[in-house]
Amino acid sequence: MAFVSFDNDFRRYLFEYRHDGAQWGIEIVASSPDDARERLKAISWANYKGEVAATIPVPGSRLLERIQTFLRRRG
């Protein structure tokens, strides 16, 4: 299950780790660096759901984001 947020308060944070002699990275979407660290801790409770076979871009998602921003400013 995936959740999409058009909230501009969320940013992408990068964490690096080593595994099996290689260096890897993981991206966490969160509201702050502290929130990202808390989300990283929560990953240890994650359940395996399967392999990601494909990703599908949502056409017009930037348009939806702009509409949401416009509506917030009016309210």
N, C-alpha and C. Protein backbone atom coordinates (compact mmCIF):
# COMPACT_ATOMS: atom_id res chain seq x y z
N MET A 1 0.84 -1.16 0.00
CA MET A 1 0.00 0.00 0.00
C MET A 1 0.89 1.23 0.00
N ALA A 2 0.59 2.20 -0.81
CA ALA A 2 1.37 3.42 -0.89
C ALA A 2 0.46 4.62 -0.65
N PHE A 3 1.01 5.62 -0.04
CA PHE A 3 0.27 6.84 0.21
C PHE A 3 0.97 7.98 -0.51
N VAL A 4 0.20 8.82 -1.14
CA VAL A 4 0.76 9.96 -1.86
C VAL A 4 0.29 11.23 -1.17
N SER A 5 1.20 12.13 -0.94
CA SER A 5 0.84 13.40 -0.32
C SER A 5 1.33 14.53 -1.21
N PHE A 6 0.47 15.50 -1.40
CA PHE A 6 0.85 16.69 -2.16
C PHE A 6 1.23 17.80 -1.20
N ASP A 7 1.43 17.44 0.06
CA ASP A 7 1.78 18.41 1.08
C ASP A 7 3.21 18.87 0.86
N ASN A 8 3.40 20.16 0.70
CA ASN A 8 4.74 20.70 0.44
C ASN A 8 5.63 20.67 1.67
N ASP A 9 5.08 20.30 2.83
CA ASP A 9 5.87 20.25 4.05
C ASP A 9 6.75 19.00 4.11
N PHE A 10 6.57 18.07 3.18
CA PHE A 10 7.36 16.84 3.19
C PHE A 10 8.53 16.98 2.22
N ARG A 11 9.68 16.47 2.65
CA ARG A 11 10.89 16.51 1.82
C ARG A 11 11.50 15.12 1.79
N ARG A 12 12.47 14.95 0.89
CA ARG A 12 13.16 13.66 0.74
C ARG A 12 14.51 13.74 1.43
N TYR A 13 14.79 12.77 2.30
CA TYR A 13 16.05 12.72 3.04
C TYR A 13 16.78 11.42 2.71
N LEU A 14 18.09 11.52 2.56
CA LEU A 14 18.90 10.38 2.17
C LEU A 14 19.71 9.86 3.36
N PHE A 15 19.67 8.54 3.55
CA PHE A 15 20.46 7.87 4.58
C PHE A 15 21.37 6.87 3.88
N GLU A 16 22.61 6.76 4.35
CA GLU A 16 23.56 5.80 3.78
C GLU A 16 23.84 4.71 4.80
N TYR A 17 24.10 3.51 4.30
CA TYR A 17 24.48 2.40 5.16
C TYR A 17 25.36 1.44 4.37
N ARG A 18 26.05 0.58 5.10
CA ARG A 18 26.91 -0.44 4.47
C ARG A 18 26.27 -1.80 4.69
N HIS A 19 26.36 -2.62 3.64
CA HIS A 19 25.85 -3.98 3.73
C HIS A 19 26.63 -4.87 2.77
N ASP A 20 27.12 -5.96 3.28
CA ASP A 20 27.81 -6.96 2.46
C ASP A 20 28.96 -6.34 1.65
N GLY A 21 29.69 -5.43 2.29
CA GLY A 21 30.86 -4.83 1.65
C GLY A 21 30.57 -3.70 0.67
N ALA A 22 29.31 -3.31 0.55
CA ALA A 22 28.95 -2.23 -0.38
C ALA A 22 28.24 -1.11 0.38
N GLN A 23 28.27 0.07 -0.20
CA GLN A 23 27.58 1.22 0.39
C GLN A 23 26.26 1.42 -0.35
N TRP A 24 25.17 1.60 0.40
CA TRP A 24 23.84 1.74 -0.16
C TRP A 24 23.18 3.01 0.38
N GLY A 25 22.09 3.39 -0.21
CA GLY A 25 21.34 4.54 0.25
C GLY A 25 19.86 4.23 0.27
N ILE A 26 19.16 4.91 1.16
CA ILE A 26 17.71 4.78 1.23
C ILE A 26 17.12 6.18 1.38
N GLU A 27 16.05 6.44 0.68
CA GLU A 27 15.40 7.74 0.71
C GLU A 27 14.15 7.65 1.59
N ILE A 28 14.02 8.59 2.50
CA ILE A 28 12.86 8.65 3.40
C ILE A 28 12.15 9.97 3.16
N VAL A 29 10.85 9.93 2.94
CA VAL A 29 10.04 11.14 2.78
C VAL A 29 9.47 11.47 4.15
N ALA A 30 9.75 12.70 4.61
CA ALA A 30 9.33 13.09 5.95
C ALA A 30 9.20 14.60 6.05
N SER A 31 8.67 15.05 7.18
CA SER A 31 8.45 16.49 7.37
C SER A 31 9.69 17.22 7.89
N SER A 32 10.68 16.46 8.42
CA SER A 32 11.89 17.07 8.96
C SER A 32 12.97 15.99 9.07
N PRO A 33 14.22 16.39 9.28
CA PRO A 33 15.26 15.37 9.50
C PRO A 33 14.95 14.48 10.71
N ASP A 34 14.43 15.06 11.78
CA ASP A 34 14.08 14.26 12.96
C ASP A 34 12.96 13.28 12.64
N ASP A 35 11.96 13.73 11.89
CA ASP A 35 10.87 12.84 11.47
C ASP A 35 11.42 11.71 10.60
N ALA A 36 12.37 12.03 9.73
CA ALA A 36 12.98 11.01 8.87
C ALA A 36 13.72 9.98 9.71
N ARG A 37 14.43 10.41 10.74
CA ARG A 37 15.13 9.47 11.62
C ARG A 37 14.14 8.56 12.35
N GLU A 38 13.03 9.12 12.80
CA GLU A 38 12.00 8.32 13.47
C GLU A 38 11.39 7.31 12.51
N ARG A 39 11.15 7.72 11.27
CA ARG A 39 10.61 6.80 10.26
C ARG A 39 11.62 5.69 9.96
N LEU A 40 12.91 6.04 9.93
CA LEU A 40 13.95 5.03 9.69
C LEU A 40 13.94 3.99 10.81
N LYS A 41 13.76 4.43 12.05
CA LYS A 41 13.67 3.49 13.18
C LYS A 41 12.47 2.56 13.00
N ALA A 42 11.35 3.11 12.52
CA ALA A 42 10.13 2.33 12.36
C ALA A 42 10.26 1.25 11.28
N ILE A 43 11.22 1.41 10.38
CA ILE A 43 11.39 0.43 9.30
C ILE A 43 11.70 -0.95 9.85
N SER A 44 12.30 -1.03 11.03
CA SER A 44 12.59 -2.35 11.60
C SER A 44 11.31 -3.14 11.88
N TRP A 45 10.16 -2.48 11.93
CA TRP A 45 8.87 -3.13 12.16
C TRP A 45 8.14 -3.42 10.85
N ALA A 46 8.77 -3.11 9.72
CA ALA A 46 8.11 -3.27 8.42
C ALA A 46 7.89 -4.75 8.10
N ASN A 47 6.85 -5.01 7.31
CA ASN A 47 6.53 -6.37 6.85
C ASN A 47 6.78 -6.47 5.36
N TYR A 48 7.32 -7.59 4.93
CA TYR A 48 7.56 -7.83 3.52
C TYR A 48 6.23 -7.94 2.79
N LYS A 49 6.07 -7.20 1.69
CA LYS A 49 4.83 -7.22 0.92
C LYS A 49 5.01 -7.74 -0.49
N GLY A 50 6.25 -7.89 -0.94
CA GLY A 50 6.50 -8.40 -2.28
C GLY A 50 7.49 -7.53 -3.03
N GLU A 51 7.79 -7.95 -4.24
CA GLU A 51 8.74 -7.25 -5.10
C GLU A 51 8.02 -6.17 -5.90
N VAL A 52 8.65 -5.02 -6.06
CA VAL A 52 8.10 -3.95 -6.89
C VAL A 52 8.38 -4.31 -8.34
N ALA A 53 7.32 -4.51 -9.10
CA ALA A 53 7.47 -4.92 -10.50
C ALA A 53 7.57 -3.72 -11.43
N ALA A 54 6.95 -2.62 -11.05
CA ALA A 54 6.96 -1.43 -11.91
C ALA A 54 6.51 -0.22 -11.11
N THR A 55 6.87 0.93 -11.60
CA THR A 55 6.34 2.18 -11.05
C THR A 55 5.64 2.91 -12.18
N ILE A 56 4.58 3.59 -11.84
CA ILE A 56 3.78 4.27 -12.85
C ILE A 56 3.69 5.75 -12.49
N PRO A 57 4.23 6.63 -13.34
CA PRO A 57 4.09 8.06 -13.05
C PRO A 57 2.64 8.49 -13.25
N VAL A 58 2.20 9.42 -12.42
CA VAL A 58 0.84 9.92 -12.52
C VAL A 58 0.87 11.19 -13.36
N PRO A 59 0.27 11.14 -14.56
CA PRO A 59 0.27 12.33 -15.41
C PRO A 59 -0.52 13.45 -14.75
N GLY A 60 0.01 14.64 -14.83
CA GLY A 60 -0.70 15.80 -14.29
C GLY A 60 -0.59 15.97 -12.80
N SER A 61 0.26 15.20 -12.13
CA SER A 61 0.34 15.31 -10.67
C SER A 61 0.82 16.70 -10.24
N ARG A 62 1.67 17.32 -11.03
CA ARG A 62 2.11 18.69 -10.71
C ARG A 62 0.94 19.65 -10.81
N LEU A 63 0.04 19.42 -11.75
CA LEU A 63 -1.15 20.25 -11.88
C LEU A 63 -2.01 20.12 -10.63
N LEU A 64 -2.20 18.90 -10.15
CA LEU A 64 -2.99 18.69 -8.94
C LEU A 64 -2.35 19.38 -7.74
N GLU A 65 -1.04 19.34 -7.68
CA GLU A 65 -0.33 20.00 -6.59
C GLU A 65 -0.54 21.51 -6.64
N ARG A 66 -0.48 22.08 -7.83
CA ARG A 66 -0.69 23.53 -7.98
C ARG A 66 -2.11 23.92 -7.61
N ILE A 67 -3.09 23.10 -7.98
CA ILE A 67 -4.48 23.38 -7.63
C ILE A 67 -4.65 23.34 -6.12
N GLN A 68 -4.07 22.35 -5.48
CA GLN A 68 -4.18 22.25 -4.02
C GLN A 68 -3.54 23.46 -3.34
N THR A 69 -2.38 23.90 -3.82
CA THR A 69 -1.72 25.08 -3.26
C THR A 69 -2.59 26.31 -3.45
N PHE A 70 -3.18 26.47 -4.61
CA PHE A 70 -4.07 27.61 -4.90
C PHE A 70 -5.26 27.60 -3.95
N LEU A 71 -5.88 26.44 -3.75
CA LEU A 71 -7.05 26.36 -2.89
C LEU A 71 -6.69 26.65 -1.42
N ARG A 72 -5.51 26.23 -1.00
CA ARG A 72 -5.07 26.52 0.38
C ARG A 72 -4.90 28.02 0.58
N ARG A 73 -4.35 28.69 -0.40
CA ARG A 73 -4.10 30.14 -0.27
C ARG A 73 -5.39 30.93 -0.23
N ARG A 74 -6.41 30.42 -0.88
CA ARG A 74 -7.71 31.11 -0.90
C ARG A 74 -8.48 30.91 0.40
N GLY A 75 -8.21 29.77 1.08
CA GLY A 75 -8.98 29.41 2.27
C GLY A 75 -8.50 30.06 3.49
